[in-house]
Amino acid sequence: MPATGSLQLVEAVIERFDGAPVGERRRWSVEFKAQAVAAALEPGVNVSALARRLGISPPQLFGWRKAFLKKQDAVTPACVPAPMVEIVVGEVTIRVGPDLSEAALRRILRAVRSA
């Protein structure tokens, strides 16, 4: 330990740690990301193993997949129409949604048959 009042100089040398990335950040194309996410969404796929095969880190692929699924959840309700039931009576086609009551459907069918 240095004596009280004495100065001690420390020289800092910047070195690269083993395993640290060399060069610039890698950038992936939109097509590559889309293909990787599509493969990661296949049933039974080990996402970590897939990421290693593609030469990317597993957290990167998990992040892309999460972002894709979040985007899909935001788009899905607005784009997907409600399921419909089609009933054909003669030359008339009736399309009804799941929220139509049985009583209302009966009234519609009676009206179509009597017309």
N, C-alpha and C. Protein backbone atom coordinates (compact mmCIF):
# COMPACT_ATOMS: atom_id res chain seq x y z
N MET A 1 0.84 -1.17 0.00
CA MET A 1 0.00 0.00 0.00
C MET A 1 0.88 1.24 0.00
N PRO A 2 0.55 2.23 -0.85
CA PRO A 2 1.39 3.44 -0.90
C PRO A 2 1.26 4.25 0.39
N ALA A 3 2.28 4.97 0.66
CA ALA A 3 2.29 5.82 1.86
C ALA A 3 1.32 6.97 1.66
N THR A 4 0.84 7.52 2.73
CA THR A 4 -0.11 8.61 2.69
C THR A 4 0.50 9.81 1.98
N GLY A 5 -0.29 10.39 1.06
CA GLY A 5 0.15 11.58 0.35
C GLY A 5 0.92 11.29 -0.91
N SER A 6 1.25 10.05 -1.20
CA SER A 6 2.00 9.78 -2.43
C SER A 6 1.04 9.55 -3.59
N LEU A 7 1.48 9.82 -4.77
CA LEU A 7 0.68 9.65 -5.98
C LEU A 7 1.05 8.33 -6.65
N GLN A 8 0.01 7.69 -7.20
CA GLN A 8 0.25 6.46 -7.94
C GLN A 8 -0.48 6.57 -9.26
N LEU A 9 0.20 6.40 -10.36
CA LEU A 9 -0.39 6.51 -11.68
C LEU A 9 -0.79 5.12 -12.18
N VAL A 10 -1.97 5.07 -12.80
CA VAL A 10 -2.46 3.84 -13.38
C VAL A 10 -2.65 4.08 -14.87
N GLU A 11 -2.07 3.21 -15.68
CA GLU A 11 -2.19 3.35 -17.11
C GLU A 11 -3.26 2.37 -17.61
N ALA A 12 -4.26 2.90 -18.32
CA ALA A 12 -5.33 2.05 -18.85
C ALA A 12 -5.01 1.72 -20.30
N VAL A 13 -5.08 0.45 -20.62
CA VAL A 13 -4.83 -0.01 -21.98
C VAL A 13 -6.09 -0.71 -22.46
N ILE A 14 -6.60 -0.24 -23.60
CA ILE A 14 -7.81 -0.84 -24.15
C ILE A 14 -7.41 -2.05 -24.97
N GLU A 15 -7.97 -3.19 -24.61
CA GLU A 15 -7.70 -4.43 -25.33
C GLU A 15 -9.03 -5.06 -25.71
N ARG A 16 -8.99 -5.88 -26.71
CA ARG A 16 -10.18 -6.60 -27.12
C ARG A 16 -10.27 -7.87 -26.30
N PHE A 17 -11.44 -8.10 -25.69
CA PHE A 17 -11.65 -9.35 -24.96
C PHE A 17 -11.80 -10.49 -25.94
N ASP A 18 -11.38 -11.67 -25.53
CA ASP A 18 -11.58 -12.85 -26.38
C ASP A 18 -13.07 -13.07 -26.57
N GLY A 19 -13.49 -13.33 -27.77
CA GLY A 19 -14.90 -13.58 -28.06
C GLY A 19 -15.69 -12.33 -28.38
N ALA A 20 -15.09 -11.15 -28.22
CA ALA A 20 -15.80 -9.91 -28.54
C ALA A 20 -15.94 -9.79 -30.05
N PRO A 21 -17.04 -9.22 -30.53
CA PRO A 21 -17.23 -9.12 -31.98
C PRO A 21 -16.17 -8.23 -32.62
N VAL A 22 -15.78 -8.60 -33.81
CA VAL A 22 -14.78 -7.83 -34.55
C VAL A 22 -15.50 -7.14 -35.70
N GLY A 23 -15.22 -5.89 -35.92
CA GLY A 23 -15.79 -5.18 -37.05
C GLY A 23 -17.11 -4.52 -36.71
N GLU A 24 -17.81 -4.14 -37.77
CA GLU A 24 -19.07 -3.42 -37.61
C GLU A 24 -20.21 -4.35 -37.21
N ARG A 25 -21.31 -3.73 -36.80
CA ARG A 25 -22.51 -4.51 -36.48
C ARG A 25 -23.02 -5.16 -37.75
N ARG A 26 -23.54 -6.35 -37.59
CA ARG A 26 -24.11 -7.04 -38.75
C ARG A 26 -25.54 -6.54 -38.95
N ARG A 27 -25.94 -6.46 -40.19
CA ARG A 27 -27.30 -6.05 -40.55
C ARG A 27 -27.92 -7.17 -41.36
N TRP A 28 -29.17 -7.48 -41.08
CA TRP A 28 -29.86 -8.55 -41.80
C TRP A 28 -30.94 -7.94 -42.66
N SER A 29 -31.13 -8.52 -43.83
CA SER A 29 -32.16 -8.02 -44.74
C SER A 29 -33.54 -8.40 -44.20
N VAL A 30 -34.54 -7.69 -44.69
CA VAL A 30 -35.92 -7.97 -44.30
C VAL A 30 -36.30 -9.39 -44.74
N GLU A 31 -35.81 -9.79 -45.92
CA GLU A 31 -36.12 -11.13 -46.43
C GLU A 31 -35.54 -12.21 -45.52
N PHE A 32 -34.28 -12.01 -45.08
CA PHE A 32 -33.64 -12.98 -44.19
C PHE A 32 -34.42 -13.09 -42.89
N LYS A 33 -34.80 -11.95 -42.31
CA LYS A 33 -35.56 -11.96 -41.06
C LYS A 33 -36.88 -12.68 -41.24
N ALA A 34 -37.58 -12.40 -42.36
CA ALA A 34 -38.88 -13.03 -42.61
C ALA A 34 -38.74 -14.54 -42.74
N GLN A 35 -37.71 -14.99 -43.45
CA GLN A 35 -37.49 -16.43 -43.60
C GLN A 35 -37.14 -17.07 -42.26
N ALA A 36 -36.31 -16.39 -41.46
CA ALA A 36 -35.91 -16.93 -40.16
C ALA A 36 -37.12 -17.03 -39.23
N VAL A 37 -37.95 -16.00 -39.21
CA VAL A 37 -39.14 -16.01 -38.35
C VAL A 37 -40.12 -17.08 -38.81
N ALA A 38 -40.30 -17.21 -40.12
CA ALA A 38 -41.21 -18.24 -40.64
C ALA A 38 -40.73 -19.63 -40.22
N ALA A 39 -39.43 -19.86 -40.30
CA ALA A 39 -38.88 -21.16 -39.89
C ALA A 39 -39.03 -21.35 -38.39
N ALA A 40 -38.89 -20.27 -37.61
CA ALA A 40 -39.00 -20.36 -36.16
C ALA A 40 -40.43 -20.62 -35.71
N LEU A 41 -41.40 -20.27 -36.54
CA LEU A 41 -42.81 -20.48 -36.19
C LEU A 41 -43.33 -21.86 -36.58
N GLU A 42 -42.52 -22.64 -37.28
CA GLU A 42 -42.93 -24.00 -37.64
C GLU A 42 -43.12 -24.83 -36.38
N PRO A 43 -44.13 -25.70 -36.35
CA PRO A 43 -44.36 -26.53 -35.16
C PRO A 43 -43.17 -27.44 -34.88
N GLY A 44 -42.80 -27.52 -33.61
CA GLY A 44 -41.74 -28.42 -33.16
C GLY A 44 -40.32 -27.93 -33.40
N VAL A 45 -40.14 -26.70 -33.88
CA VAL A 45 -38.80 -26.19 -34.16
C VAL A 45 -38.14 -25.70 -32.87
N ASN A 46 -36.88 -26.07 -32.67
CA ASN A 46 -36.09 -25.56 -31.56
C ASN A 46 -35.49 -24.24 -32.04
N VAL A 47 -36.00 -23.14 -31.51
CA VAL A 47 -35.62 -21.81 -32.00
C VAL A 47 -34.14 -21.53 -31.76
N SER A 48 -33.63 -21.95 -30.60
CA SER A 48 -32.21 -21.71 -30.30
C SER A 48 -31.31 -22.46 -31.29
N ALA A 49 -31.64 -23.71 -31.58
CA ALA A 49 -30.84 -24.48 -32.53
C ALA A 49 -30.93 -23.88 -33.93
N LEU A 50 -32.11 -23.43 -34.31
CA LEU A 50 -32.29 -22.79 -35.61
C LEU A 50 -31.42 -21.53 -35.70
N ALA A 51 -31.44 -20.73 -34.66
CA ALA A 51 -30.64 -19.49 -34.66
C ALA A 51 -29.16 -19.81 -34.84
N ARG A 52 -28.68 -20.80 -34.13
CA ARG A 52 -27.26 -21.17 -34.26
C ARG A 52 -26.95 -21.65 -35.68
N ARG A 53 -27.87 -22.42 -36.28
CA ARG A 53 -27.66 -22.88 -37.66
C ARG A 53 -27.60 -21.70 -38.63
N LEU A 54 -28.39 -20.67 -38.35
CA LEU A 54 -28.42 -19.49 -39.23
C LEU A 54 -27.27 -18.53 -38.96
N GLY A 55 -26.52 -18.77 -37.89
CA GLY A 55 -25.39 -17.90 -37.57
C GLY A 55 -25.78 -16.64 -36.83
N ILE A 56 -26.91 -16.66 -36.13
CA ILE A 56 -27.33 -15.52 -35.33
C ILE A 56 -27.52 -15.97 -33.89
N SER A 57 -27.59 -15.03 -32.98
CA SER A 57 -27.77 -15.40 -31.58
C SER A 57 -29.24 -15.74 -31.32
N PRO A 58 -29.48 -16.74 -30.47
CA PRO A 58 -30.86 -17.10 -30.16
C PRO A 58 -31.71 -15.93 -29.66
N PRO A 59 -31.19 -15.07 -28.76
CA PRO A 59 -32.03 -13.93 -28.33
C PRO A 59 -32.45 -13.02 -29.49
N GLN A 60 -31.60 -12.93 -30.51
CA GLN A 60 -31.94 -12.10 -31.68
C GLN A 60 -33.15 -12.69 -32.39
N LEU A 61 -33.13 -14.00 -32.62
CA LEU A 61 -34.25 -14.65 -33.32
C LEU A 61 -35.51 -14.62 -32.46
N PHE A 62 -35.38 -14.83 -31.16
CA PHE A 62 -36.54 -14.75 -30.28
C PHE A 62 -37.15 -13.35 -30.34
N GLY A 63 -36.29 -12.32 -30.40
CA GLY A 63 -36.78 -10.94 -30.50
C GLY A 63 -37.51 -10.67 -31.80
N TRP A 64 -36.96 -11.16 -32.90
CA TRP A 64 -37.64 -10.99 -34.20
C TRP A 64 -38.99 -11.69 -34.18
N ARG A 65 -39.01 -12.91 -33.62
CA ARG A 65 -40.26 -13.67 -33.57
C ARG A 65 -41.30 -12.97 -32.71
N LYS A 66 -40.87 -12.45 -31.57
CA LYS A 66 -41.78 -11.75 -30.67
C LYS A 66 -42.35 -10.50 -31.35
N ALA A 67 -41.51 -9.75 -32.03
CA ALA A 67 -41.96 -8.54 -32.73
C ALA A 67 -42.96 -8.90 -33.82
N PHE A 68 -42.70 -9.99 -34.54
CA PHE A 68 -43.61 -10.42 -35.60
C PHE A 68 -44.97 -10.80 -35.01
N LEU A 69 -44.96 -11.60 -33.93
CA LEU A 69 -46.22 -12.04 -33.32
C LEU A 69 -47.00 -10.86 -32.74
N LYS A 70 -46.29 -9.89 -32.17
CA LYS A 70 -46.96 -8.71 -31.62
C LYS A 70 -47.62 -7.91 -32.75
N LYS A 71 -46.91 -7.80 -33.87
CA LYS A 71 -47.45 -7.08 -35.03
C LYS A 71 -48.66 -7.82 -35.58
N GLN A 72 -48.60 -9.16 -35.64
CA GLN A 72 -49.72 -9.95 -36.12
C GLN A 72 -50.94 -9.79 -35.21
N ASP A 73 -50.73 -9.77 -33.89
CA ASP A 73 -51.84 -9.60 -32.95
C ASP A 73 -52.53 -8.26 -33.15
N ALA A 74 -51.75 -7.23 -33.48
CA ALA A 74 -52.33 -5.90 -33.69
C ALA A 74 -53.12 -5.84 -34.99
N VAL A 75 -52.69 -6.59 -36.00
CA VAL A 75 -53.32 -6.54 -37.31
C VAL A 75 -54.51 -7.50 -37.39
N THR A 76 -54.43 -8.64 -36.75
CA THR A 76 -55.42 -9.71 -36.91
C THR A 76 -56.86 -9.28 -36.64
N PRO A 77 -57.19 -8.64 -35.52
CA PRO A 77 -58.61 -8.32 -35.28
C PRO A 77 -59.21 -7.41 -36.35
N ALA A 78 -58.44 -6.51 -36.90
CA ALA A 78 -58.98 -5.58 -37.88
C ALA A 78 -59.15 -6.22 -39.26
N CYS A 79 -58.35 -7.22 -39.58
CA CYS A 79 -58.35 -7.77 -40.93
C CYS A 79 -59.18 -9.04 -41.09
N VAL A 80 -59.37 -9.78 -40.04
CA VAL A 80 -60.06 -11.06 -40.15
C VAL A 80 -61.55 -10.86 -39.92
N PRO A 81 -62.37 -11.19 -40.92
CA PRO A 81 -63.81 -11.03 -40.73
C PRO A 81 -64.33 -12.09 -39.75
N ALA A 82 -65.43 -11.77 -39.11
CA ALA A 82 -66.04 -12.72 -38.19
C ALA A 82 -66.50 -13.94 -38.98
N PRO A 83 -66.47 -15.13 -38.36
CA PRO A 83 -66.92 -16.32 -39.07
C PRO A 83 -68.40 -16.18 -39.44
N MET A 84 -68.72 -16.65 -40.62
CA MET A 84 -70.10 -16.54 -41.11
C MET A 84 -70.63 -17.93 -41.44
N VAL A 85 -71.93 -18.08 -41.33
CA VAL A 85 -72.62 -19.30 -41.73
C VAL A 85 -73.45 -18.94 -42.95
N GLU A 86 -73.34 -19.77 -43.99
CA GLU A 86 -74.11 -19.55 -45.21
C GLU A 86 -75.23 -20.57 -45.29
N ILE A 87 -76.43 -20.09 -45.51
CA ILE A 87 -77.60 -20.96 -45.65
C ILE A 87 -78.21 -20.65 -47.01
N VAL A 88 -78.40 -21.69 -47.82
CA VAL A 88 -78.97 -21.51 -49.15
C VAL A 88 -80.39 -22.08 -49.13
N VAL A 89 -81.36 -21.22 -49.43
CA VAL A 89 -82.77 -21.62 -49.53
C VAL A 89 -83.21 -21.29 -50.94
N GLY A 90 -83.31 -22.31 -51.77
CA GLY A 90 -83.66 -22.08 -53.17
C GLY A 90 -82.54 -21.31 -53.85
N GLU A 91 -82.88 -20.14 -54.37
CA GLU A 91 -81.88 -19.31 -55.03
C GLU A 91 -81.38 -18.18 -54.12
N VAL A 92 -81.77 -18.22 -52.86
CA VAL A 92 -81.40 -17.17 -51.91
C VAL A 92 -80.29 -17.68 -51.00
N THR A 93 -79.27 -16.89 -50.83
CA THR A 93 -78.19 -17.22 -49.90
C THR A 93 -78.26 -16.27 -48.72
N ILE A 94 -78.29 -16.85 -47.52
CA ILE A 94 -78.34 -16.06 -46.28
C ILE A 94 -77.02 -16.26 -45.56
N ARG A 95 -76.38 -15.16 -45.22
CA ARG A 95 -75.12 -15.22 -44.45
C ARG A 95 -75.37 -14.58 -43.10
N VAL A 96 -75.09 -15.34 -42.05
CA VAL A 96 -75.31 -14.83 -40.70
C VAL A 96 -74.06 -15.06 -39.87
N GLY A 97 -73.84 -14.16 -38.92
CA GLY A 97 -72.71 -14.27 -38.00
C GLY A 97 -73.08 -15.06 -36.76
N PRO A 98 -72.09 -15.38 -35.94
CA PRO A 98 -72.33 -16.20 -34.76
C PRO A 98 -73.13 -15.48 -33.68
N ASP A 99 -73.25 -14.17 -33.77
CA ASP A 99 -73.96 -13.41 -32.73
C ASP A 99 -75.47 -13.33 -32.98
N LEU A 100 -75.96 -13.88 -34.10
CA LEU A 100 -77.39 -13.85 -34.40
C LEU A 100 -78.12 -14.89 -33.54
N SER A 101 -79.20 -14.47 -32.91
CA SER A 101 -79.95 -15.40 -32.05
C SER A 101 -80.73 -16.40 -32.89
N GLU A 102 -81.08 -17.51 -32.26
CA GLU A 102 -81.85 -18.54 -32.95
C GLU A 102 -83.21 -18.01 -33.36
N ALA A 103 -83.83 -17.23 -32.50
CA ALA A 103 -85.15 -16.68 -32.81
C ALA A 103 -85.09 -15.77 -34.04
N ALA A 104 -84.06 -14.95 -34.12
CA ALA A 104 -83.91 -14.06 -35.27
C ALA A 104 -83.67 -14.85 -36.55
N LEU A 105 -82.87 -15.90 -36.45
CA LEU A 105 -82.61 -16.74 -37.62
C LEU A 105 -83.90 -17.42 -38.10
N ARG A 106 -84.71 -17.88 -37.16
CA ARG A 106 -85.99 -18.52 -37.52
C ARG A 106 -86.89 -17.51 -38.26
N ARG A 107 -86.96 -16.27 -37.77
CA ARG A 107 -87.78 -15.25 -38.43
C ARG A 107 -87.29 -14.99 -39.85
N ILE A 108 -85.95 -14.94 -40.03
CA ILE A 108 -85.39 -14.70 -41.36
C ILE A 108 -85.73 -15.85 -42.30
N LEU A 109 -85.56 -17.08 -41.83
CA LEU A 109 -85.86 -18.24 -42.66
C LEU A 109 -87.33 -18.30 -43.06
N ARG A 110 -88.23 -17.98 -42.10
CA ARG A 110 -89.67 -17.95 -42.43
C ARG A 110 -89.98 -16.90 -43.48
N ALA A 111 -89.34 -15.75 -43.35
CA ALA A 111 -89.57 -14.66 -44.31
C ALA A 111 -89.08 -15.07 -45.71
N VAL A 112 -87.94 -15.73 -45.79
CA VAL A 112 -87.40 -16.13 -47.09
C VAL A 112 -88.28 -17.21 -47.71
N ARG A 113 -88.71 -18.16 -46.92
CA ARG A 113 -89.55 -19.26 -47.45
C ARG A 113 -90.92 -18.74 -47.92
N SER A 114 -91.45 -17.75 -47.23
CA SER A 114 -92.77 -17.24 -47.62
C SER A 114 -92.71 -16.26 -48.79
N ALA A 115 -91.55 -15.79 -49.15
CA ALA A 115 -91.41 -14.82 -50.24
C ALA A 115 -91.49 -15.45 -51.59
